[in-house]
Amino acid sequence: MAVSDSNMLRRAHERFPPISQELIDALDQLFPDRCPEESYSDRKIWMARGSVEVVRLKRIKEAQDATLLDRQILL
């Protein structure tokens, strides 16, 4: 991922509203992170990849928030 992409995603995450764990789990089941089937068109692969990225990025944001909270508690 390019540096500019990383910065853009970081800024977007700072503005994310809270999302329930149930929603993240449901999206993860709808859009599992797996290899595409050979029969998938390029477009379908791109759409699936984008869906998986949304779930993955939200999980990363949760992990970062938890780490930040842990650090604040320790201070």
PDB file of N, CA and C in Angstrom:
ATOM      1  N   MET A   1       0.845  -1.171   0.000  1.00  0.00           N
ATOM      2  CA  MET A   1       0.000   0.000   0.000  1.00  0.00           C
ATOM      3  C   MET A   1       0.889   1.232   0.000  1.00  0.00           C
ATOM      4  N   ALA A   2       0.553   2.186  -0.825  1.00  0.00           N
ATOM      5  CA  ALA A   2       1.335   3.407  -0.920  1.00  0.00           C
ATOM      6  C   ALA A   2       1.162   4.247   0.339  1.00  0.00           C
ATOM      7  N   VAL A   3       2.156   5.085   0.607  1.00  0.00           N
ATOM      8  CA  VAL A   3       2.110   5.942   1.795  1.00  0.00           C
ATOM      9  C   VAL A   3       0.878   6.827   1.778  1.00  0.00           C
ATOM     10  N   SER A   4       0.557   7.417   0.638  1.00  0.00           N
ATOM     11  CA  SER A   4      -0.612   8.292   0.558  1.00  0.00           C
ATOM     12  C   SER A   4      -1.897   7.520   0.843  1.00  0.00           C
ATOM     13  N   ASP A   5      -1.993   6.281   0.386  1.00  0.00           N
ATOM     14  CA  ASP A   5      -3.151   5.447   0.686  1.00  0.00           C
ATOM     15  C   ASP A   5      -3.248   5.197   2.180  1.00  0.00           C
ATOM     16  N   SER A   6      -2.125   4.925   2.801  1.00  0.00           N
ATOM     17  CA  SER A   6      -2.098   4.675   4.239  1.00  0.00           C
ATOM     18  C   SER A   6      -2.563   5.897   5.012  1.00  0.00           C
ATOM     19  N   ASN A   7      -2.092   7.079   4.627  1.00  0.00           N
ATOM     20  CA  ASN A   7      -2.509   8.309   5.303  1.00  0.00           C
ATOM     21  C   ASN A   7      -3.994   8.572   5.102  1.00  0.00           C
ATOM     22  N   MET A   8      -4.485   8.318   3.898  1.00  0.00           N
ATOM     23  CA  MET A   8      -5.894   8.522   3.611  1.00  0.00           C
ATOM     24  C   MET A   8      -6.753   7.601   4.481  1.00  0.00           C
ATOM     25  N   LEU A   9      -6.358   6.341   4.588  1.00  0.00           N
ATOM     26  CA  LEU A   9      -7.106   5.397   5.407  1.00  0.00           C
ATOM     27  C   LEU A   9      -7.051   5.776   6.880  1.00  0.00           C
ATOM     28  N   ARG A  10      -5.912   6.250   7.338  1.00  0.00           N
ATOM     29  CA  ARG A  10      -5.775   6.652   8.733  1.00  0.00           C
ATOM     30  C   ARG A  10      -6.737   7.808   9.041  1.00  0.00           C
ATOM     31  N   ARG A  11      -6.794   8.788   8.165  1.00  0.00           N
ATOM     32  CA  ARG A  11      -7.691   9.927   8.377  1.00  0.00           C
ATOM     33  C   ARG A  11      -9.149   9.480   8.348  1.00  0.00           C
ATOM     34  N   ALA A  12      -9.485   8.578   7.458  1.00  0.00           N
ATOM     35  CA  ALA A  12     -10.855   8.079   7.374  1.00  0.00           C
ATOM     36  C   ALA A  12     -11.238   7.344   8.642  1.00  0.00           C
ATOM     37  N   HIS A  13     -10.326   6.560   9.191  1.00  0.00           N
ATOM     38  CA  HIS A  13     -10.607   5.805  10.406  1.00  0.00           C
ATOM     39  C   HIS A  13     -10.827   6.708  11.606  1.00  0.00           C
ATOM     40  N   GLU A  14     -10.173   7.837  11.630  1.00  0.00           N
ATOM     41  CA  GLU A  14     -10.342   8.762  12.749  1.00  0.00           C
ATOM     42  C   GLU A  14     -11.770   9.290  12.816  1.00  0.00           C
ATOM     43  N   ARG A  15     -12.482   9.271  11.707  1.00  0.00           N
ATOM     44  CA  ARG A  15     -13.848   9.791  11.662  1.00  0.00           C
ATOM     45  C   ARG A  15     -14.898   8.684  11.697  1.00  0.00           C
ATOM     46  N   PHE A  16     -14.505   7.441  11.851  1.00  0.00           N
ATOM     47  CA  PHE A  16     -15.456   6.332  11.844  1.00  0.00           C
ATOM     48  C   PHE A  16     -16.365   6.399  13.066  1.00  0.00           C
ATOM     49  N   PRO A  17     -17.653   6.224  12.854  1.00  0.00           N
ATOM     50  CA  PRO A  17     -18.558   6.097  14.007  1.00  0.00           C
ATOM     51  C   PRO A  17     -18.426   4.695  14.596  1.00  0.00           C
ATOM     52  N   PRO A  18     -18.869   4.521  15.817  1.00  0.00           N
ATOM     53  CA  PRO A  18     -18.819   3.169  16.404  1.00  0.00           C
ATOM     54  C   PRO A  18     -19.664   2.189  15.590  1.00  0.00           C
ATOM     55  N   ILE A  19     -19.146   0.981  15.443  1.00  0.00           N
ATOM     56  CA  ILE A  19     -19.854  -0.082  14.732  1.00  0.00           C
ATOM     57  C   ILE A  19     -19.869  -1.297  15.649  1.00  0.00           C
ATOM     58  N   SER A  20     -21.029  -1.908  15.762  1.00  0.00           N
ATOM     59  CA  SER A  20     -21.167  -3.031  16.696  1.00  0.00           C
ATOM     60  C   SER A  20     -20.367  -4.245  16.231  1.00  0.00           C
ATOM     61  N   GLN A  21     -19.950  -5.034  17.182  1.00  0.00           N
ATOM     62  CA  GLN A  21     -19.228  -6.268  16.886  1.00  0.00           C
ATOM     63  C   GLN A  21     -20.113  -7.235  16.100  1.00  0.00           C
ATOM     64  N   GLU A  22     -21.417  -7.219  16.395  1.00  0.00           N
ATOM     65  CA  GLU A  22     -22.347  -8.092  15.677  1.00  0.00           C
ATOM     66  C   GLU A  22     -22.370  -7.763  14.184  1.00  0.00           C
ATOM     67  N   LEU A  23     -22.342  -6.469  13.849  1.00  0.00           N
ATOM     68  CA  LEU A  23     -22.333  -6.079  12.444  1.00  0.00           C
ATOM     69  C   LEU A  23     -21.035  -6.510  11.767  1.00  0.00           C
ATOM     70  N   ILE A  24     -19.919  -6.307  12.431  1.00  0.00           N
ATOM     71  CA  ILE A  24     -18.631  -6.716  11.865  1.00  0.00           C
ATOM     72  C   ILE A  24     -18.610  -8.223  11.628  1.00  0.00           C
ATOM     73  N   ASP A  25     -19.093  -8.987  12.595  1.00  0.00           N
ATOM     74  CA  ASP A  25     -19.128 -10.446  12.445  1.00  0.00           C
ATOM     75  C   ASP A  25     -20.044 -10.869  11.294  1.00  0.00           C
ATOM     76  N   ALA A  26     -21.201 -10.194  11.155  1.00  0.00           N
ATOM     77  CA  ALA A  26     -22.125 -10.517  10.067  1.00  0.00           C
ATOM     78  C   ALA A  26     -21.495 -10.205   8.714  1.00  0.00           C
ATOM     79  N   LEU A  27     -20.822  -9.045   8.601  1.00  0.00           N
ATOM     80  CA  LEU A  27     -20.147  -8.691   7.353  1.00  0.00           C
ATOM     81  C   LEU A  27     -19.019  -9.665   7.035  1.00  0.00           C
ATOM     82  N   ASP A  28     -18.325 -10.107   8.080  1.00  0.00           N
ATOM     83  CA  ASP A  28     -17.243 -11.074   7.896  1.00  0.00           C
ATOM     84  C   ASP A  28     -17.776 -12.396   7.350  1.00  0.00           C
ATOM     85  N   GLN A  29     -18.970 -12.774   7.782  1.00  0.00           N
ATOM     86  CA  GLN A  29     -19.567 -14.010   7.260  1.00  0.00           C
ATOM     87  C   GLN A  29     -20.070 -13.828   5.829  1.00  0.00           C
ATOM     88  N   LEU A  30     -20.609 -12.647   5.525  1.00  0.00           N
ATOM     89  CA  LEU A  30     -21.089 -12.378   4.176  1.00  0.00           C
ATOM     90  C   LEU A  30     -19.953 -12.244   3.173  1.00  0.00           C
ATOM     91  N   PHE A  31     -18.837 -11.661   3.634  1.00  0.00           N
ATOM     92  CA  PHE A  31     -17.693 -11.395   2.765  1.00  0.00           C
ATOM     93  C   PHE A  31     -16.434 -12.023   3.350  1.00  0.00           C
ATOM     94  N   PRO A  32     -16.336 -13.345   3.363  1.00  0.00           N
ATOM     95  CA  PRO A  32     -15.167 -14.005   3.963  1.00  0.00           C
ATOM     96  C   PRO A  32     -13.884 -13.710   3.193  1.00  0.00           C
ATOM     97  N   ASP A  33     -12.799 -13.684   3.909  1.00  0.00           N
ATOM     98  CA  ASP A  33     -11.487 -13.428   3.316  1.00  0.00           C
ATOM     99  C   ASP A  33     -10.934 -14.752   2.810  1.00  0.00           C
ATOM    100  N   ARG A  34     -11.200 -15.036   1.543  1.00  0.00           N
ATOM    101  CA  ARG A  34     -10.756 -16.297   0.943  1.00  0.00           C
ATOM    102  C   ARG A  34     -10.377 -16.062  -0.512  1.00  0.00           C
ATOM    103  N   CYS A  35      -9.711 -17.017  -1.076  1.00  0.00           N
ATOM    104  CA  CYS A  35      -9.314 -16.922  -2.483  1.00  0.00           C
ATOM    105  C   CYS A  35     -10.552 -16.989  -3.371  1.00  0.00           C
ATOM    106  N   PRO A  36     -10.573 -16.180  -4.427  1.00  0.00           N
ATOM    107  CA  PRO A  36     -11.725 -16.223  -5.329  1.00  0.00           C
ATOM    108  C   PRO A  36     -11.735 -17.523  -6.137  1.00  0.00           C
ATOM    109  N   GLU A  37     -12.908 -17.895  -6.569  1.00  0.00           N
ATOM    110  CA  GLU A  37     -13.040 -19.072  -7.414  1.00  0.00           C
ATOM    111  C   GLU A  37     -12.580 -18.732  -8.828  1.00  0.00           C
ATOM    112  N   GLU A  38     -12.133 -19.724  -9.553  1.00  0.00           N
ATOM    113  CA  GLU A  38     -11.643 -19.508 -10.916  1.00  0.00           C
ATOM    114  C   GLU A  38     -12.726 -18.958 -11.836  1.00  0.00           C
ATOM    115  N   SER A  39     -13.969 -19.254 -11.528  1.00  0.00           N
ATOM    116  CA  SER A  39     -15.068 -18.820 -12.394  1.00  0.00           C
ATOM    117  C   SER A  39     -15.432 -17.347 -12.200  1.00  0.00           C
ATOM    118  N   TYR A  40     -14.912 -16.697 -11.176  1.00  0.00           N
ATOM    119  CA  TYR A  40     -15.247 -15.289 -10.913  1.00  0.00           C
ATOM    120  C   TYR A  40     -14.686 -14.386 -11.998  1.00  0.00           C
ATOM    121  N   SER A  41     -15.473 -13.406 -12.392  1.00  0.00           N
ATOM    122  CA  SER A  41     -14.990 -12.388 -13.327  1.00  0.00           C
ATOM    123  C   SER A  41     -14.055 -11.442 -12.565  1.00  0.00           C
ATOM    124  N   ASP A  42     -13.270 -10.680 -13.319  1.00  0.00           N
ATOM    125  CA  ASP A  42     -12.389  -9.698 -12.678  1.00  0.00           C
ATOM    126  C   ASP A  42     -13.196  -8.744 -11.806  1.00  0.00           C
ATOM    127  N   ARG A  43     -14.305  -8.284 -12.326  1.00  0.00           N
ATOM    128  CA  ARG A  43     -15.150  -7.337 -11.578  1.00  0.00           C
ATOM    129  C   ARG A  43     -15.622  -7.937 -10.257  1.00  0.00           C
ATOM    130  N   LYS A  44     -16.057  -9.196 -10.297  1.00  0.00           N
ATOM    131  CA  LYS A  44     -16.535  -9.841  -9.076  1.00  0.00           C
ATOM    132  C   LYS A  44     -15.393  -9.972  -8.063  1.00  0.00           C
ATOM    133  N   ILE A  45     -14.209 -10.268  -8.531  1.00  0.00           N
ATOM    134  CA  ILE A  45     -13.045 -10.363  -7.646  1.00  0.00           C
ATOM    135  C   ILE A  45     -12.766  -9.011  -7.006  1.00  0.00           C
ATOM    136  N   TRP A  46     -12.803  -7.934  -7.790  1.00  0.00           N
ATOM    137  CA  TRP A  46     -12.542  -6.592  -7.250  1.00  0.00           C
ATOM    138  C   TRP A  46     -13.593  -6.202  -6.224  1.00  0.00           C
ATOM    139  N   MET A  47     -14.854  -6.505  -6.512  1.00  0.00           N
ATOM    140  CA  MET A  47     -15.935  -6.168  -5.582  1.00  0.00           C
ATOM    141  C   MET A  47     -15.775  -6.951  -4.271  1.00  0.00           C
ATOM    142  N   ALA A  48     -15.469  -8.230  -4.387  1.00  0.00           N
ATOM    143  CA  ALA A  48     -15.292  -9.045  -3.186  1.00  0.00           C
ATOM    144  C   ALA A  48     -14.096  -8.558  -2.375  1.00  0.00           C
ATOM    145  N   ARG A  49     -13.026  -8.212  -3.044  1.00  0.00           N
ATOM    146  CA  ARG A  49     -11.831  -7.718  -2.358  1.00  0.00           C
ATOM    147  C   ARG A  49     -12.128  -6.434  -1.594  1.00  0.00           C
ATOM    148  N   GLY A  50     -12.890  -5.547  -2.219  1.00  0.00           N
ATOM    149  CA  GLY A  50     -13.266  -4.305  -1.551  1.00  0.00           C
ATOM    150  C   GLY A  50     -14.122  -4.554  -0.321  1.00  0.00           C
ATOM    151  N   SER A  51     -15.037  -5.492  -0.419  1.00  0.00           N
ATOM    152  CA  SER A  51     -15.889  -5.827   0.722  1.00  0.00           C
ATOM    153  C   SER A  51     -15.069  -6.385   1.883  1.00  0.00           C
ATOM    154  N   VAL A  52     -14.144  -7.254   1.552  1.00  0.00           N
ATOM    155  CA  VAL A  52     -13.271  -7.841   2.576  1.00  0.00           C
ATOM    156  C   VAL A  52     -12.406  -6.756   3.219  1.00  0.00           C
ATOM    157  N   GLU A  53     -11.922  -5.806   2.425  1.00  0.00           N
ATOM    158  CA  GLU A  53     -11.084  -4.727   2.959  1.00  0.00           C
ATOM    159  C   GLU A  53     -11.822  -3.903   3.998  1.00  0.00           C
ATOM    160  N   VAL A  54     -13.106  -3.657   3.773  1.00  0.00           N
ATOM    161  CA  VAL A  54     -13.894  -2.883   4.741  1.00  0.00           C
ATOM    162  C   VAL A  54     -13.893  -3.585   6.094  1.00  0.00           C
ATOM    163  N   VAL A  55     -14.164  -4.872   6.086  1.00  0.00           N
ATOM    164  CA  VAL A  55     -14.190  -5.642   7.338  1.00  0.00           C
ATOM    165  C   VAL A  55     -12.796  -5.682   7.965  1.00  0.00           C
ATOM    166  N   ARG A  56     -11.777  -5.927   7.144  1.00  0.00           N
ATOM    167  CA  ARG A  56     -10.400  -6.002   7.647  1.00  0.00           C
ATOM    168  C   ARG A  56      -9.965  -4.671   8.280  1.00  0.00           C
ATOM    169  N   LEU A  57     -10.242  -3.579   7.610  1.00  0.00           N
ATOM    170  CA  LEU A  57      -9.841  -2.268   8.139  1.00  0.00           C
ATOM    171  C   LEU A  57     -10.562  -1.934   9.438  1.00  0.00           C
ATOM    172  N   LYS A  58     -11.820  -2.319   9.539  1.00  0.00           N
ATOM    173  CA  LYS A  58     -12.555  -2.068  10.787  1.00  0.00           C
ATOM    174  C   LYS A  58     -11.948  -2.888  11.921  1.00  0.00           C
ATOM    175  N   ARG A  59     -11.553  -4.116  11.630  1.00  0.00           N
ATOM    176  CA  ARG A  59     -10.917  -4.942  12.673  1.00  0.00           C
ATOM    177  C   ARG A  59      -9.566  -4.347  13.094  1.00  0.00           C
ATOM    178  N   ILE A  60      -8.814  -3.809  12.144  1.00  0.00           N
ATOM    179  CA  ILE A  60      -7.543  -3.154  12.468  1.00  0.00           C
ATOM    180  C   ILE A  60      -7.798  -1.949  13.356  1.00  0.00           C
ATOM    181  N   LYS A  61      -8.815  -1.168  13.019  1.00  0.00           N
ATOM    182  CA  LYS A  61      -9.161   0.011  13.822  1.00  0.00           C
ATOM    183  C   LYS A  61      -9.522  -0.399  15.247  1.00  0.00           C
ATOM    184  N   GLU A  62     -10.279  -1.465  15.396  1.00  0.00           N
ATOM    185  CA  GLU A  62     -10.641  -1.957  16.734  1.00  0.00           C
ATOM    186  C   GLU A  62      -9.394  -2.351  17.519  1.00  0.00           C
ATOM    187  N   ALA A  63      -8.473  -3.043  16.867  1.00  0.00           N
ATOM    188  CA  ALA A  63      -7.245  -3.473  17.545  1.00  0.00           C
ATOM    189  C   ALA A  63      -6.417  -2.268  17.958  1.00  0.00           C
ATOM    190  N   GLN A  64      -6.346  -1.255  17.105  1.00  0.00           N
ATOM    191  CA  GLN A  64      -5.600  -0.043  17.445  1.00  0.00           C
ATOM    192  C   GLN A  64      -6.252   0.670  18.627  1.00  0.00           C
ATOM    193  N   ASP A  65      -7.580   0.766  18.604  1.00  0.00           N
ATOM    194  CA  ASP A  65      -8.296   1.412  19.701  1.00  0.00           C
ATOM    195  C   ASP A  65      -8.078   0.664  21.009  1.00  0.00           C
ATOM    196  N   ALA A  66      -8.098  -0.659  20.955  1.00  0.00           N
ATOM    197  CA  ALA A  66      -7.889  -1.459  22.161  1.00  0.00           C
ATOM    198  C   ALA A  66      -6.476  -1.262  22.699  1.00  0.00           C
ATOM    199  N   THR A  67      -5.506  -1.196  21.805  1.00  0.00           N
ATOM    200  CA  THR A  67      -4.122  -0.965  22.219  1.00  0.00           C
ATOM    201  C   THR A  67      -3.980   0.411  22.865  1.00  0.00           C
ATOM    202  N   LEU A  68      -4.612   1.406  22.261  1.00  0.00           N
ATOM    203  CA  LEU A  68      -4.561   2.766  22.804  1.00  0.00           C
ATOM    204  C   LEU A  68      -5.218   2.808  24.186  1.00  0.00           C
ATOM    205  N   LEU A  69      -6.349   2.132  24.315  1.00  0.00           N
ATOM    206  CA  LEU A  69      -7.035   2.083  25.611  1.00  0.00           C
ATOM    207  C   LEU A  69      -6.172   1.399  26.646  1.00  0.00           C
ATOM    208  N   ASP A  70      -5.520   0.298  26.281  1.00  0.00           N
ATOM    209  CA  ASP A  70      -4.620  -0.407  27.206  1.00  0.00           C
ATOM    210  C   ASP A  70      -3.494   0.510  27.651  1.00  0.00           C
ATOM    211  N   ARG A  71      -2.933   1.278  26.735  1.00  0.00           N
ATOM    212  CA  ARG A  71      -1.854   2.191  27.088  1.00  0.00           C
ATOM    213  C   ARG A  71      -2.335   3.278  28.035  1.00  0.00           C
ATOM    214  N   GLN A  72      -3.536   3.789  27.804  1.00  0.00           N
ATOM    215  CA  GLN A  72      -4.076   4.835  28.673  1.00  0.00           C
ATOM    216  C   GLN A  72      -4.319   4.307  30.081  1.00  0.00           C
ATOM    217  N   ILE A  73      -4.776   3.071  30.168  1.00  0.00           N
ATOM    218  CA  ILE A  73      -5.019   2.456  31.487  1.00  0.00           C
ATOM    219  C   ILE A  73      -3.708   2.291  32.237  1.00  0.00           C
ATOM    220  N   LEU A  74      -2.644   1.899  31.516  1.00  0.00           N
ATOM    221  CA  LEU A  74      -1.349   1.680  32.159  1.00  0.00           C
ATOM    222  C   LEU A  74      -0.705   2.982  32.610  1.00  0.00           C
ATOM    223  N   LEU A  75      -1.037   4.086  31.959  1.00  0.00           N
ATOM    224  CA  LEU A  75      -0.446   5.370  32.332  1.00  0.00           C
ATOM    225  C   LEU A  75      -1.135   5.860  33.553  1.00  0.00           C
TER     226      LEU A  75
END
